[in-house]
Amino acid sequence: MTYTGQCACGAVTATIEGEPIAVRQCWCRQCQKIAAGSGTTNAMFETTGIALRGELAHGSYVAASGNQLSQHFCPRCGTHVMGESSARPQYRSVRIGFLDEGHGLAPSTLIWTGEAPDWAHLDPELPHVERQPPPPVAAKP
C-alpha cells in the first residue's frame, strides 16, 4: 500500500510505502500539548518506507517513558508530521492528520490512557494501555 500526505501549506509532502506496524491514539501529556488538549492519532511506519520532501523543523525531549522523543513539523505552517523515539529508530509515528484523505486508517489501541483528562472520550471497544505500550512487532514478509 502507498500513503501520501502533506502539511497545511503544502511545503512538506510524503510518500509512504507499506502498511503501518500499528495505529494508536496516544494520551500522554506531551501529545496532549501537541494536540491542543486531546490525544494524537499516529500510524507507525517503518522508517525506510517514508520518503519526505520539504524542510522539517523539530524539537526533542525526554518523555515519561524515559525515551528521547523528537517531534517533526513544518516550520512554515506548524503542521505536525511525525515523531520518532530513541527506543524504536526503525519506526516513525506519522500523524494521521498529515496523511491525505482516504487513507482508511483508524486507531486499534489507546495508549497512555492513565494520563488522559477526565473529560476524554476513550473508545471502550479498543484496548487501553495505561502507560508505555510493548514494542510493536513488524509483520513478516
Protein backbone atom coordinates (compact mmCIF):
# COMPACT_ATOMS: atom_id res chain seq x y z
CA MET A 1 0.00 0.00 0.00
CA THR A 2 1.10 3.57 -0.66
CA TYR A 3 0.06 6.50 1.52
CA THR A 4 0.63 10.17 0.77
CA GLY A 5 0.49 13.26 2.94
CA GLN A 6 1.16 16.96 3.06
CA CYS A 7 1.20 19.77 5.57
CA ALA A 8 -1.42 22.54 5.56
CA CYS A 9 0.67 24.84 3.34
CA GLY A 10 1.99 22.10 1.03
CA ALA A 11 5.68 22.77 1.76
CA VAL A 12 6.20 19.28 3.22
CA THR A 13 4.97 16.18 1.40
CA ALA A 14 5.46 12.46 1.89
CA THR A 15 5.02 9.16 0.15
CA ILE A 16 4.92 6.16 2.46
CA GLU A 17 5.27 2.59 1.19
CA GLY A 18 3.93 -0.29 3.25
CA GLU A 19 1.31 -0.88 5.87
CA PRO A 20 1.59 0.65 9.35
CA ILE A 21 3.00 -1.54 12.10
CA ALA A 22 0.44 -0.05 14.49
CA VAL A 23 -2.16 2.73 14.57
CA ARG A 24 -2.55 4.18 18.04
CA GLN A 25 -4.12 7.10 19.80
CA CYS A 26 -1.73 8.49 22.44
CA TRP A 27 -2.93 10.37 25.51
CA CYS A 28 0.44 11.16 27.11
CA ARG A 29 0.80 14.73 28.38
CA GLN A 30 3.27 15.63 25.60
CA CYS A 31 0.82 14.50 22.91
CA GLN A 32 -1.91 16.50 24.63
CA LYS A 33 0.31 19.58 24.33
CA ILE A 34 0.83 18.91 20.61
CA ALA A 35 -2.89 18.28 20.01
CA ALA A 36 -4.22 21.29 21.96
CA GLY A 37 -5.55 19.10 24.78
CA SER A 38 -6.65 15.90 23.03
CA GLY A 39 -4.59 12.84 22.23
CA THR A 40 -2.71 12.36 18.95
CA THR A 41 -3.54 9.62 16.47
CA ASN A 42 -0.49 8.11 14.81
CA ALA A 43 0.32 5.43 12.27
CA MET A 44 3.70 3.79 12.93
CA PHE A 45 5.59 3.00 9.71
CA GLU A 46 9.00 1.54 9.02
CA THR A 47 11.45 4.42 8.61
CA THR A 48 12.79 3.01 5.34
CA GLY A 49 9.33 3.26 3.72
CA ILE A 50 8.97 7.02 4.27
CA ALA A 51 10.10 9.48 1.58
CA LEU A 52 9.77 13.12 2.69
CA ARG A 53 10.14 16.25 0.59
CA GLY A 54 10.50 19.71 2.07
CA GLU A 55 12.12 21.15 5.15
CA LEU A 56 11.21 19.91 8.62
CA ALA A 57 11.84 21.56 11.96
CA HIS A 58 11.96 19.51 15.14
CA GLY A 59 12.00 19.62 18.90
CA SER A 60 13.26 16.90 21.25
CA TYR A 61 12.67 15.99 24.88
CA VAL A 62 12.87 13.06 27.30
CA ALA A 63 9.39 11.55 27.60
CA ALA A 64 7.80 9.96 30.67
CA SER A 65 8.83 6.59 29.18
CA GLY A 66 12.47 7.66 29.58
CA ASN A 67 12.99 7.69 25.81
CA GLN A 68 14.27 10.64 23.80
CA LEU A 69 11.44 11.77 21.51
CA SER A 70 11.74 14.08 18.52
CA GLN A 71 8.70 15.76 17.01
CA HIS A 72 8.96 16.89 13.38
CA PHE A 73 6.78 19.62 11.90
CA CYS A 74 6.59 22.08 9.01
CA PRO A 75 8.43 25.28 10.01
CA ARG A 76 6.18 27.37 7.74
CA CYS A 77 2.67 26.32 8.83
CA GLY A 78 3.35 24.28 12.01
CA THR A 79 1.63 21.08 10.85
CA HIS A 80 2.92 18.12 12.86
CA VAL A 81 4.25 15.47 10.51
CA MET A 82 5.72 12.70 12.67
CA GLY A 83 7.53 11.69 15.82
CA GLU A 84 10.43 9.35 16.48
CA SER A 85 11.61 7.57 19.61
CA SER A 86 15.17 6.64 20.56
CA ALA A 87 13.74 3.27 21.64
CA ARG A 88 12.48 2.47 18.13
CA PRO A 89 14.69 4.13 15.47
CA GLN A 90 13.38 1.74 12.83
CA TYR A 91 9.91 3.34 13.02
CA ARG A 92 8.32 6.78 12.67
CA SER A 93 4.89 7.69 14.04
CA VAL A 94 3.18 9.69 11.31
CA ARG A 95 0.33 11.96 12.42
CA ILE A 96 -2.94 10.77 10.87
CA GLY A 97 -3.92 14.40 10.17
CA PHE A 98 -0.85 14.80 7.95
CA LEU A 99 -2.00 11.96 5.66
CA ASP A 100 -4.17 12.74 2.65
CA GLU A 101 -7.88 11.93 2.87
CA GLY A 102 -8.96 8.42 2.04
CA HIS A 103 -6.19 6.63 3.96
CA GLY A 104 -8.69 4.43 5.80
CA LEU A 105 -6.59 4.19 8.96
CA ALA A 106 -8.11 4.24 12.45
CA PRO A 107 -6.61 3.58 15.89
CA SER A 108 -6.62 -0.01 17.09
CA THR A 109 -5.19 0.77 20.56
CA LEU A 110 -5.28 3.67 23.01
CA ILE A 111 -2.01 4.29 24.86
CA TRP A 112 -1.02 6.36 27.89
CA THR A 113 -4.68 6.37 28.94
CA GLY A 114 -3.58 6.88 32.55
CA GLU A 115 -2.73 10.47 31.59
CA ALA A 116 -5.96 11.20 29.70
CA PRO A 117 -8.08 14.02 31.17
CA ASP A 118 -11.35 13.09 32.91
CA TRP A 119 -13.39 14.51 30.02
CA ALA A 120 -11.65 12.40 27.33
CA HIS A 121 -13.89 10.02 25.38
CA LEU A 122 -11.91 6.78 25.18
CA ASP A 123 -13.43 4.15 22.89
CA PRO A 124 -14.40 1.25 25.19
CA GLU A 125 -14.16 -1.18 22.24
CA LEU A 126 -10.39 -0.61 21.84
CA PRO A 127 -7.63 -1.96 24.10
CA HIS A 128 -6.40 0.60 26.65
CA VAL A 129 -2.77 0.70 27.78
CA GLU A 130 -2.25 2.89 30.85
CA ARG A 131 1.35 3.84 30.12
CA GLN A 132 4.11 2.75 27.69
CA PRO A 133 2.89 0.02 25.33
CA PRO A 134 5.01 -3.02 24.48
CA PRO A 135 7.14 -2.68 21.34
CA PRO A 136 5.22 -3.30 18.11
CA VAL A 137 6.03 -6.39 16.10
CA ALA A 138 6.57 -5.94 12.37
CA ALA A 139 4.69 -8.33 10.10
CA LYS A 140 6.87 -10.96 8.45
CA PRO A 141 7.05 -10.69 4.64
